[in-house]
Every structure is written in structure tokens, then in C-alpha cells.
Protein backbone atom coordinates (compact mmCIF):
# COMPACT_ATOMS: atom_id res chain seq x y z
CA UNK A 1 -17.06 -5.00 17.34
CA UNK A 2 -13.62 -3.86 18.49
CA UNK A 3 -12.50 -0.40 19.55
CA UNK A 4 -14.89 2.34 18.46
CA UNK A 5 -13.99 5.50 18.70
CA UNK A 6 -2.66 12.41 0.67
CA UNK A 7 -1.88 12.76 -2.23
CA UNK A 8 0.51 15.88 -2.58
CA UNK A 9 0.47 19.68 -2.97
CA UNK A 10 -2.04 18.57 -5.51
CA UNK A 11 -1.58 15.12 -4.08
CA UNK A 12 -2.20 14.66 -0.35
CA UNK A 13 -3.18 18.22 0.50
CA UNK A 14 0.34 19.34 1.32
CA UNK A 15 -0.39 22.64 2.99
CA UNK A 16 2.23 24.82 4.70
CA UNK A 17 2.66 24.28 8.44
CA UNK A 18 4.14 26.69 10.98
CA UNK A 19 7.96 26.27 10.97
CA UNK A 20 8.02 26.20 14.78
CA UNK A 21 6.03 22.96 14.73
CA UNK A 22 7.91 21.07 12.03
CA UNK A 23 11.55 21.77 11.29
CA UNK A 24 12.33 19.90 8.06
CA UNK A 25 15.00 17.20 8.09
CA UNK A 26 18.02 17.29 5.74
CA UNK A 27 18.56 15.35 2.56
CA UNK A 28 19.03 11.60 2.70
CA UNK A 29 22.42 11.68 1.04
CA UNK A 30 24.01 11.20 -2.29
CA UNK A 31 21.66 10.40 -5.20
CA UNK A 32 21.09 6.68 -5.85
CA UNK A 33 22.64 4.89 -8.81
CA UNK A 34 20.32 3.84 -11.57
CA UNK A 35 19.28 0.26 -12.41
CA UNK A 36 19.94 -1.09 -15.88
CA UNK A 37 16.51 -0.79 -17.48
CA UNK A 38 15.37 -2.05 -20.84
CA UNK A 39 13.62 0.26 -23.29
CA UNK A 40 10.06 0.89 -22.12
CA UNK A 41 7.32 0.79 -24.67
CA UNK A 42 3.67 1.77 -24.69
CA UNK A 43 0.52 -0.22 -24.32
CA UNK A 44 -0.68 -2.78 -26.85
CA UNK A 45 -4.12 -2.39 -28.17
CA UNK A 46 -5.10 -5.98 -27.43
CA UNK A 47 -5.59 -6.78 -23.68
CA UNK A 48 -4.19 -10.16 -22.56
CA UNK A 49 -6.11 -12.76 -20.61
CA UNK A 50 -4.80 -12.63 -17.05
CA UNK A 51 -3.52 -15.83 -15.51
CA UNK A 52 -4.44 -14.85 -12.51
CA UNK A 53 -20.33 -17.45 11.22
CA UNK A 54 -17.15 -15.98 12.50
CA UNK A 55 -14.68 -18.44 13.96
CA UNK A 56 -11.78 -17.07 16.00
CA UNK A 57 -8.45 -17.48 14.19
CA UNK A 58 -5.65 -19.20 16.06
CA UNK A 59 -3.04 -16.65 17.16
CA UNK A 60 0.20 -17.02 15.23
CA UNK A 61 3.64 -16.08 16.51
CA UNK A 62 3.86 -12.65 18.24
CA UNK A 63 7.00 -11.71 16.33
CA UNK A 64 6.72 -9.94 12.98
CA UNK A 65 10.29 -10.93 12.01
CA UNK A 66 11.12 -14.61 11.28
CA UNK A 67 14.09 -16.19 13.00
CA UNK A 68 17.17 -15.40 10.86
CA UNK A 69 18.46 -18.37 8.84
CA UNK A 70 22.08 -19.46 9.04
CA UNK A 71 21.93 -20.49 5.32
CA UNK A 72 23.82 -18.01 3.12
CA UNK A 73 21.38 -15.87 1.19
CA UNK A 74 21.45 -15.99 -2.60
CA UNK A 75 22.56 -12.87 -4.47
CA UNK A 76 19.78 -10.28 -4.73
CA UNK A 77 17.73 -10.50 -7.91
CA UNK A 78 17.20 -7.04 -9.46
CA UNK A 79 14.42 -6.91 -12.03
CA UNK A 80 13.76 -4.84 -15.17
CA UNK A 81 10.82 -4.64 -17.62
CA UNK A 82 10.58 -7.43 -20.21
CA UNK A 83 8.47 -6.79 -23.25
CA UNK A 84 5.68 -4.28 -23.87
CA UNK A 85 3.18 -2.93 -21.36
CA UNK A 86 -0.28 -4.34 -22.04
CA UNK A 87 -3.77 -3.51 -20.78
CA UNK A 88 -5.42 -6.06 -18.48
CA UNK A 89 -8.66 -4.11 -17.92
CA UNK A 90 -10.08 -0.64 -18.52
CA UNK A 91 -13.07 1.41 -17.46
CA UNK A 92 -12.20 1.43 -13.70
CA UNK A 93 -13.41 4.41 -11.67
CA UNK A 94 -10.93 5.79 -9.08
CA UNK A 95 -9.42 2.33 -8.38
CA UNK A 96 -7.45 2.01 -5.18
CA UNK A 97 -6.32 -1.50 -4.30
CA UNK A 98 -5.47 -4.62 -6.38
CA UNK A 99 -6.12 -7.99 -4.61
CA UNK A 100 -4.78 -10.96 -6.57
CA UNK A 101 -6.38 -14.17 -5.25
CA UNK A 102 -4.18 -17.30 -5.02
CA UNK A 103 -6.90 -19.55 -6.49
CA UNK A 104 -7.40 -17.33 -9.51
CA UNK A 105 -9.26 -14.11 -9.85
CA UNK A 106 -8.53 -10.44 -9.12
CA UNK A 107 -10.48 -7.90 -7.11
CA UNK A 108 -10.15 -4.10 -7.31
CA UNK A 109 -11.63 -1.57 -4.88
CA UNK A 110 -13.17 1.61 -6.37
CA UNK A 111 -12.74 4.44 -3.88
CA UNK A 112 -15.58 6.79 -4.83
CA UNK A 113 -18.15 4.23 -5.90
CA UNK A 114 -17.57 2.17 -2.71
CA UNK A 115 -17.67 -1.11 -4.65
CA UNK A 116 -15.40 -4.08 -5.28
CA UNK A 117 -15.19 -5.29 -8.89
CA UNK A 118 -13.81 -8.50 -10.31
CA UNK A 119 -11.48 -8.33 -13.29
CA UNK A 120 -12.67 -11.00 -15.73
CA UNK A 121 -10.35 -13.18 -17.83
CA UNK A 122 -11.25 -11.21 -20.99
CA UNK A 123 -10.56 -7.83 -19.38
CA UNK A 124 -14.16 -6.99 -18.47
CA UNK A 125 -15.40 -5.92 -14.99
CA UNK A 126 -18.24 -7.16 -12.84
CA UNK A 127 -19.37 -5.62 -9.58
CA UNK A 128 -19.02 -8.22 -6.81
CA UNK A 129 -20.50 -6.02 -4.01
CA UNK A 130 -21.10 -2.45 -2.96
CA UNK A 131 -19.68 -2.21 0.57
CA UNK A 132 -22.38 -0.79 2.90
CA UNK A 133 -21.57 2.40 4.82
CA UNK A 134 -18.89 3.85 2.55
CA UNK A 135 -19.00 7.68 2.77
CA UNK A 136 -16.59 8.78 0.01
CA UNK A 137 -15.20 12.31 0.05
CA UNK A 138 -11.84 13.95 -0.53
CA UNK A 139 -9.21 11.17 -0.21
CA UNK A 140 -11.59 8.96 1.74
CA UNK A 141 -13.78 6.10 0.46
CA UNK A 142 -13.27 2.44 -0.15
CA UNK A 143 -9.52 1.86 0.08
CA UNK A 144 -7.35 -1.13 0.95
CA UNK A 145 -8.18 -4.83 0.43
CA UNK A 146 -6.45 -7.90 1.93
CA UNK A 147 -7.12 -11.64 1.88
CA UNK A 148 -7.14 -14.07 4.81
CA UNK A 149 -7.03 -17.60 3.24
CA UNK A 150 -9.58 -20.07 4.52
CA UNK A 151 -9.01 -23.44 6.17
CA UNK A 152 -11.04 -26.53 7.15
CA UNK A 153 -12.98 -24.55 9.75
CA UNK A 154 -13.77 -21.30 8.00
CA UNK A 155 -14.02 -19.70 4.56
CA UNK A 156 -11.53 -17.18 3.16
CA UNK A 157 -12.23 -13.58 4.07
CA UNK A 158 -11.64 -10.36 2.12
CA UNK A 159 -10.82 -7.49 4.48
CA UNK A 160 -11.57 -3.89 3.44
CA UNK A 161 -10.73 -0.47 4.90
CA UNK A 162 -13.07 2.38 4.17
CA UNK A 163 -14.20 5.80 5.29
CA UNK A 164 -17.62 5.80 7.01
CA UNK A 165 -19.74 8.72 8.19
CA UNK A 166 -17.74 9.24 11.40
CA UNK A 167 -14.52 7.21 11.17
CA UNK A 168 -12.31 4.99 9.08
CA UNK A 169 -12.98 1.30 9.71
CA UNK A 170 -11.98 -2.19 8.78
CA UNK A 171 -14.50 -4.93 7.96
CA UNK A 172 -14.25 -8.45 6.57
CA UNK A 173 -16.50 -10.37 4.24
CA UNK A 174 -16.55 -14.12 3.47
CA UNK A 175 -15.40 -14.88 -0.06
CA UNK A 176 -17.27 -17.45 -2.09
CA UNK A 177 -17.72 -18.59 -5.67
CA UNK A 178 -15.22 -19.24 -8.42
CA UNK A 179 -13.22 -17.08 -10.75
CA UNK A 180 -15.72 -15.15 -12.95
CA UNK A 181 -18.49 -15.44 -10.37
CA UNK A 182 -16.88 -14.46 -7.07
CA UNK A 183 -19.14 -13.36 -4.21
CA UNK A 184 -18.75 -11.58 -0.95
CA UNK A 185 -21.02 -11.98 2.06
CA UNK A 186 -22.23 -9.45 4.61
CA UNK A 187 -19.44 -7.39 6.25
CA UNK A 188 -18.45 -7.95 9.84
CA UNK A 189 -16.66 -5.16 11.80
CA UNK A 190 -13.00 -5.81 12.64
CA UNK A 191 -11.82 -2.39 13.88
CA UNK A 192 -13.73 0.88 14.03
CA UNK A 193 -12.91 4.33 15.40
CA UNK A 194 -9.83 5.13 13.23
CA UNK A 195 -9.95 8.92 12.82
CA UNK A 196 -11.00 10.23 9.37
CA UNK A 197 -10.54 13.48 7.51
CA UNK A 198 -10.77 14.87 4.01
CA UNK A 199 -7.16 13.68 3.56
CA UNK A 200 -4.42 11.64 5.27
CA UNK A 201 -6.63 8.53 5.79
CA UNK A 202 -3.92 5.92 5.14
CA UNK A 203 -6.09 2.92 4.27
CA UNK A 204 -3.72 0.14 3.17
CA UNK A 205 -4.26 -3.39 4.52
CA UNK A 206 -1.90 -6.41 4.40
CA UNK A 207 -1.33 -9.63 6.22
CA UNK A 208 2.27 -10.02 7.38
CA UNK A 209 4.37 -13.19 7.47
CA UNK A 210 3.35 -13.56 11.12
CA UNK A 211 -0.33 -13.99 10.09
CA UNK A 212 -1.33 -10.67 11.70
CA UNK A 213 -3.28 -7.91 9.92
CA UNK A 214 -1.46 -4.58 9.43
CA UNK A 215 -3.18 -1.33 8.56
CA UNK A 216 -1.84 2.10 7.73
CA UNK A 217 -3.54 5.02 9.39
CA UNK A 218 -2.80 8.60 8.38
CA UNK A 219 -2.72 11.51 10.81
CA UNK A 220 -6.19 12.64 9.59
CA UNK A 221 -4.85 16.28 9.52
CA UNK A 222 -3.72 16.22 13.14
CA UNK A 223 0.04 15.84 13.04
CA UNK A 224 0.46 15.81 16.82
CA UNK A 225 -1.70 12.60 17.03
CA UNK A 226 1.05 10.80 15.15
CA UNK A 227 3.22 11.07 18.31
CA UNK A 228 0.40 10.15 20.69
CA UNK A 229 0.65 6.43 21.39
CA UNK A 230 -2.96 6.38 22.63
CA UNK A 231 -4.28 7.59 19.27
CA UNK A 232 -4.91 5.39 16.23
CA UNK A 233 -3.82 8.24 13.92
CA UNK A 234 -0.42 8.45 12.23
CA UNK A 235 0.39 4.81 12.90
CA UNK A 236 0.93 1.46 11.38
CA UNK A 237 -1.49 -0.72 13.32
CA UNK A 238 -1.11 -4.46 14.00
CA UNK A 239 -4.00 -6.72 15.02
CA UNK A 240 -5.19 -10.30 15.08
CA UNK A 241 -7.47 -11.32 12.23
CA UNK A 242 -10.41 -10.93 14.60
CA UNK A 243 -9.49 -7.29 15.38
CA UNK A 244 -7.77 -7.46 18.78
CA UNK A 245 -4.42 -5.80 19.45
CA UNK A 246 -1.88 -8.41 18.36
CA UNK A 247 0.32 -10.24 20.94
CA UNK A 248 3.78 -8.75 21.08
CA UNK A 249 2.81 -5.22 20.10
CA UNK A 250 5.31 -2.84 21.72
CA UNK A 251 2.93 -0.60 23.60
CA UNK A 252 0.18 -3.10 24.54
CA UNK A 253 -2.27 -1.54 22.08
CA UNK A 254 -2.75 -1.50 18.30
CA UNK A 255 0.36 0.57 17.54
CA UNK A 256 3.23 -1.18 15.74
CA UNK A 257 5.08 1.96 14.62
CA UNK A 258 4.28 5.70 14.93
CA UNK A 259 5.24 9.10 13.74
CA UNK A 260 3.65 8.60 10.29
CA UNK A 261 2.00 11.33 8.23
CA UNK A 262 0.08 9.41 5.55
CA UNK A 263 1.46 5.85 4.89
CA UNK A 264 -0.21 4.14 1.94
CA UNK A 265 1.96 1.19 1.00
CA UNK A 266 2.87 -2.03 2.86
CA UNK A 267 5.05 -4.93 1.79
CA UNK A 268 7.49 -7.58 3.11
CA UNK A 269 10.66 -8.85 1.48
CA UNK A 270 11.83 -12.45 1.40
CA UNK A 271 13.75 -12.06 4.67
CA UNK A 272 10.58 -10.84 6.48
CA UNK A 273 11.65 -7.20 6.45
CA UNK A 274 8.65 -4.83 6.53
CA UNK A 275 8.44 -1.76 4.26
CA UNK A 276 6.05 1.20 4.01
CA UNK A 277 5.64 4.11 1.53
CA UNK A 278 4.63 7.48 2.94
CA UNK A 279 3.51 10.85 1.70
CA UNK A 280 5.56 13.75 3.03
CA UNK A 281 4.39 17.34 3.46
CA UNK A 282 6.14 19.82 1.12
CA UNK A 283 9.68 18.45 0.83
CA UNK A 284 10.19 14.67 1.09
CA UNK A 285 8.25 11.53 0.34
CA UNK A 286 9.56 8.40 2.03
CA UNK A 287 10.29 4.71 1.73
CA UNK A 288 10.69 3.33 5.22
CA UNK A 289 11.97 0.05 6.66
CA UNK A 290 9.52 -0.55 9.55
CA UNK A 291 10.76 -1.78 12.87
CA UNK A 292 8.73 -2.75 15.92
CA UNK A 293 8.01 0.36 18.10
CA UNK A 294 10.05 2.74 15.92
CA UNK A 295 9.21 6.41 15.69
CA UNK A 296 9.40 7.86 12.13
CA UNK A 297 9.38 11.48 13.25
CA UNK A 298 6.21 13.17 11.93
CA UNK A 299 5.39 16.01 12.59
CA UNK A 300 8.76 16.95 14.18
CA UNK A 301 10.76 16.05 11.07
CA UNK A 302 10.07 15.24 7.43
CA UNK A 303 12.50 13.05 5.57
CA UNK A 304 15.95 12.14 6.87
CA UNK A 305 17.01 14.34 9.81
CA UNK A 306 19.83 12.35 11.40
CA UNK A 307 18.07 12.80 14.71
CA UNK A 308 18.69 9.78 17.02
CA UNK A 309 15.14 10.03 18.37
CA UNK A 310 13.73 9.03 14.98
CA UNK A 311 14.20 6.41 12.34
CA UNK A 312 15.25 7.91 9.00
CA UNK A 313 13.79 6.73 5.68
CA UNK A 314 15.77 4.33 3.54
CA UNK A 315 14.89 6.34 0.46
CA UNK A 316 13.33 9.71 -0.10
CA UNK A 317 12.08 11.72 -3.08
CA UNK A 318 11.01 15.31 -3.74
CA UNK A 319 7.22 15.38 -3.56
CA UNK A 320 6.86 16.12 -7.32
CA UNK A 321 8.69 12.85 -8.12
CA UNK A 322 6.56 10.52 -6.01
CA UNK A 323 3.46 11.00 -3.84
CA UNK A 324 3.84 7.27 -3.13
CA UNK A 325 0.88 4.93 -2.70
CA UNK A 326 0.91 1.17 -3.24
CA UNK A 327 4.00 -0.96 -2.65
CA UNK A 328 4.90 -4.52 -3.75
CA UNK A 329 8.01 -6.71 -3.54
CA UNK A 330 8.85 -9.11 -6.43
CA UNK A 331 12.09 -10.96 -6.16
CA UNK A 332 14.41 -8.54 -4.42
CA UNK A 333 12.95 -5.42 -6.03
CA UNK A 334 10.48 -3.06 -4.39
CA UNK A 335 7.92 -1.47 -6.68
CA UNK A 336 6.33 1.78 -5.58
CA UNK A 337 3.35 3.46 -7.22
CA UNK A 338 3.67 7.29 -7.58
CA UNK A 339 0.65 9.50 -8.03
CA UNK A 340 1.95 12.98 -8.54
CA UNK A 341 5.18 11.55 -9.91
CA UNK A 342 3.23 9.59 -12.58
CA UNK A 343 5.62 6.66 -12.54
CA UNK A 344 6.52 3.37 -10.91
CA UNK A 345 9.70 3.47 -8.84
CA UNK A 346 11.81 0.26 -8.83
CA UNK A 347 14.03 0.18 -5.77
CA UNK A 348 16.61 -2.58 -5.17
CA UNK A 349 17.92 -4.57 -3.58
CA UNK A 350 15.39 -4.85 -0.76
CA UNK A 351 16.98 -7.77 1.17
CA UNK A 352 18.94 -6.69 4.17
CA UNK A 353 18.50 -2.95 3.51
CA UNK A 354 17.90 -0.43 6.25
CA UNK A 355 18.43 3.22 7.07
CA UNK A 356 21.71 4.40 5.62
CA UNK A 357 21.80 1.67 2.91
CA UNK A 358 22.40 2.93 -0.59
CA UNK A 359 19.72 1.55 -2.89
CA UNK A 360 19.25 2.02 -6.61
CA UNK A 361 16.00 3.75 -7.46
CA UNK A 362 14.89 3.76 -11.12
CA UNK A 363 11.75 5.45 -12.53
CA UNK A 364 9.69 3.41 -14.93
CA UNK A 365 6.98 4.69 -17.32
CA UNK A 366 7.34 8.34 -16.28
CA UNK A 367 4.38 10.33 -17.59
CA UNK A 368 3.17 7.50 -19.86
CA UNK A 369 0.12 6.38 -17.95
CA UNK A 370 -0.61 9.29 -15.61
CA UNK A 371 -1.13 8.81 -11.87
CA UNK A 372 -0.32 5.33 -10.53
CA UNK A 373 -2.25 4.23 -7.43
CA UNK A 374 -1.25 0.55 -6.76
CA UNK A 375 1.14 -2.14 -7.83
CA UNK A 376 0.89 -5.90 -7.42
CA UNK A 377 2.70 -9.13 -8.27
CA UNK A 378 0.92 -10.68 -11.26
CA UNK A 379 0.10 -14.40 -11.26
CA UNK A 380 2.64 -14.94 -14.08
CA UNK A 381 5.47 -13.34 -12.09
CA UNK A 382 5.22 -10.00 -13.78
CA UNK A 383 3.99 -6.65 -12.45
CA UNK A 384 0.45 -5.25 -12.49
CA UNK A 385 -0.26 -1.62 -11.78
CA UNK A 386 -3.35 0.65 -11.97
CA UNK A 387 -3.79 4.21 -13.15
CA UNK A 388 -5.65 6.71 -11.03
CA UNK A 389 -6.55 9.53 -13.39
CA UNK A 390 -10.27 9.51 -12.51
CA UNK A 391 -9.84 10.36 -8.82
CA UNK A 392 -10.36 14.05 -9.34
CA UNK A 393 -6.75 15.12 -9.55
CA UNK A 394 -5.68 13.50 -12.80
CA UNK A 395 -6.43 14.09 -16.50
CA UNK A 396 -8.53 11.11 -17.62
CA UNK A 397 -8.03 9.68 -21.11
CA UNK A 398 -10.42 7.50 -23.04
CA UNK A 399 -10.64 4.17 -21.24
CA UNK A 400 -9.22 5.40 -17.96
CA UNK A 401 -8.68 4.12 -15.45
CA UNK A 402 -6.80 1.03 -16.57
CA UNK A 403 -4.94 -1.94 -15.10
CA UNK A 404 -1.65 -2.62 -16.88
CA UNK A 405 0.76 -5.52 -17.02
CA UNK A 406 4.45 -5.79 -17.83
CA UNK A 407 6.77 -8.80 -17.72
CA UNK A 408 9.89 -8.80 -15.59
CA UNK A 409 13.32 -10.24 -16.13
CA UNK A 410 16.63 -10.19 -14.18
CA UNK A 411 18.80 -7.15 -14.98
CA UNK A 412 22.22 -7.61 -16.42
């Protein structure tokens, strides 16, 4: 065992804070230009068939950013919807994270039930396991999933982040079986002692291109902890697959970046650039380009402040337009799930973008499917996304919650 130790005004418990503690930053700049987007249509009635002993892991490179290539990069590929939105599965209960397995099969975590379900080829669901120790409540419960592929010496592992009785924690479980009959073994602790609260639990997991495990940790209601480098709160954490602080971390502990309020999305673009989506307080939600050791300002600033002490977001939205959760990169387009905003944001181009870069942000499916919790690259190259209307803050419809699919094609 290693170290022990939101969703908006309606989403993420955005409550007023004393102005003396958090002067709000200014607007990011001029509004972004829109992508060319094809006409968006509703769901089809017919769901498609998706095409979808602990051994220490050798330590990969300490750097999270690959060595830049001298080969000229191809032009960015901006994507738009292609065809109708279809239903992959329905009957999910407060789904949180989509995990598409490279060998076929898809797992989804259900926050309040504390279980992981497999999405079957015909659109049905089967419970793979109920994760022991999940203590769901508020925004806490079973949250992010990530996969560490196996090799000749060990099986693949599914990593899960969840809220327990006294903390948030990360465990891993050996993955077995084949598509349609997947199994998960007993959980093994990877990292414990991440502060928990009724909101701002973070909870997203992802393996980076460096082979290290990254985890988002919210401030757990204590904004000052986000600036405390000795706290696990309000951070993006970086660790080895076995749960040790990763080599090359900037402060010699788990912290990779800090000054976060409630980050819930993680993704990397083709150049190795790291991105995170983050809930703001009352004014600005953020899309951030994450740099090693950077300070993103919370609780001193919210949104872009132009303060040299902090890294400004690349993109920001009014909280009613976003409440961002899951994040995925397909081609050179970032897809961001919006809960309170009830849409998917397509942001492009991702490659080479940083603070001060003008990106085009286009809303897809606004209000059509309710709250959107997560997005993922589908096995066929399209986009999958899940509704989150059964989490206590939405308005469930018959069949909710659902997983949806839409094809993608180059714009223009």
C-alpha cells in the first residue's frame, strides 16, 4: 500500500466564496470561431453492434513529453459529425467512465452502484464486478477507469478511482476473460489517502505516453490545499503503475501540476501534449494545457487572469455552457463532455496549442441528450459518449442513461 492518508451551481456545488480569498480572473479573449459542422440528427431506434501476483512494472522514461520530431507535422485534421447519432447501450445508472479495451470489449463504471459493467455486442449490460469499499455519496463513488496492458510477465490491469469511507483511492484489478465474459480479480491498493468530500473529488485516471499513471484530484472543498504542494488535493498526480511517485516529478512527490479546483478530464494529443478539463466556481470553466510543475491558479484566480504567477486556460466557458467532465482526443480535435451545458464541445486544432492560442470551439448536440459525463474514441474511429441524467441532477428519460455513438469525418 502506498501513501495513506463538481458539477456546477447545480453541477459541482459552485457556492459563493469570500471575494478577499478569490479575485476572479478576466475573460480569455475574443470569442472563438465556429467549426464547420454538419447537420446533427437524433438517435436511431435500433442500437448498432459495437466494434469495439503483482509484478513491478519497469519504469519508463521520466519525461511526460516525447522528444520533438524534426519531421514537418501534417496539417491538423478537424472533425465533424458524420451520419446519425445511434444508441450503443441503455439502462446505465449514473455512468462515469468509458474504458474501451484494445482487444475488444468496453467497460463502464457506475458511480452510485459502485460496479463495473461490460457493454455487450448487442447493446446489453452485464456486471463484471462490484468494487469492494465504494462509499458513494454526493459527487463521490466509483469514478475513473484506466487500462495497463499486459505483457509476457503479467496480466493486463484495470485501474479504478473511487471514494471510500475515509478517502479517495486508486486500486487495480487483473483483467481476464474474453469479450462478452470479461472478469476482474481482487483489487490491490495503488494509492490511498487522497482527500474526499461531498464534491470536488476529481477522479479521472489515464496512462500517459510515458507509461505513467495520471490521476485528477479535486480540492475536496478546501481551496487552499490546491496551492499546498504537500497535499494531494487540487492536483494532477503522476505515479508509476505500482503507485510510487513517478521519476521526474517536479517536486519529488506525486504532484505533476497544481492549483486545480476540480479537474475531471485527461487526454493527450498526437504530439504528446497533455490536456485537462476543469470545473470552475461561479464564472469560468476551463480547458487547460498541462505543463510539468505549472500552477493553474485556484483559488487565487478563476479562468484567465493574465497573472504571470499562473498558467491561463487555453479555452474557457461560462459555467452554464460547460461543467466539463470527460475529455478525449481524436485526430487533432479535442472532445469535451459537458454536464450542465448538456453538450459535447469540439475544440480544434489541438496540436501545438497553448495558452493564448485561438481555437475553434463548437457545441454538438446541445440539449438533445441531457447531461454528458464522458467521451471516448470508438473502435471504428468515431465518437462514443454517455449521458448522465440519472446522477441526481438530471431529468431522466425512459432508457436513461445511454451510451451513444456518432461517426466522424474531416471538416471542409
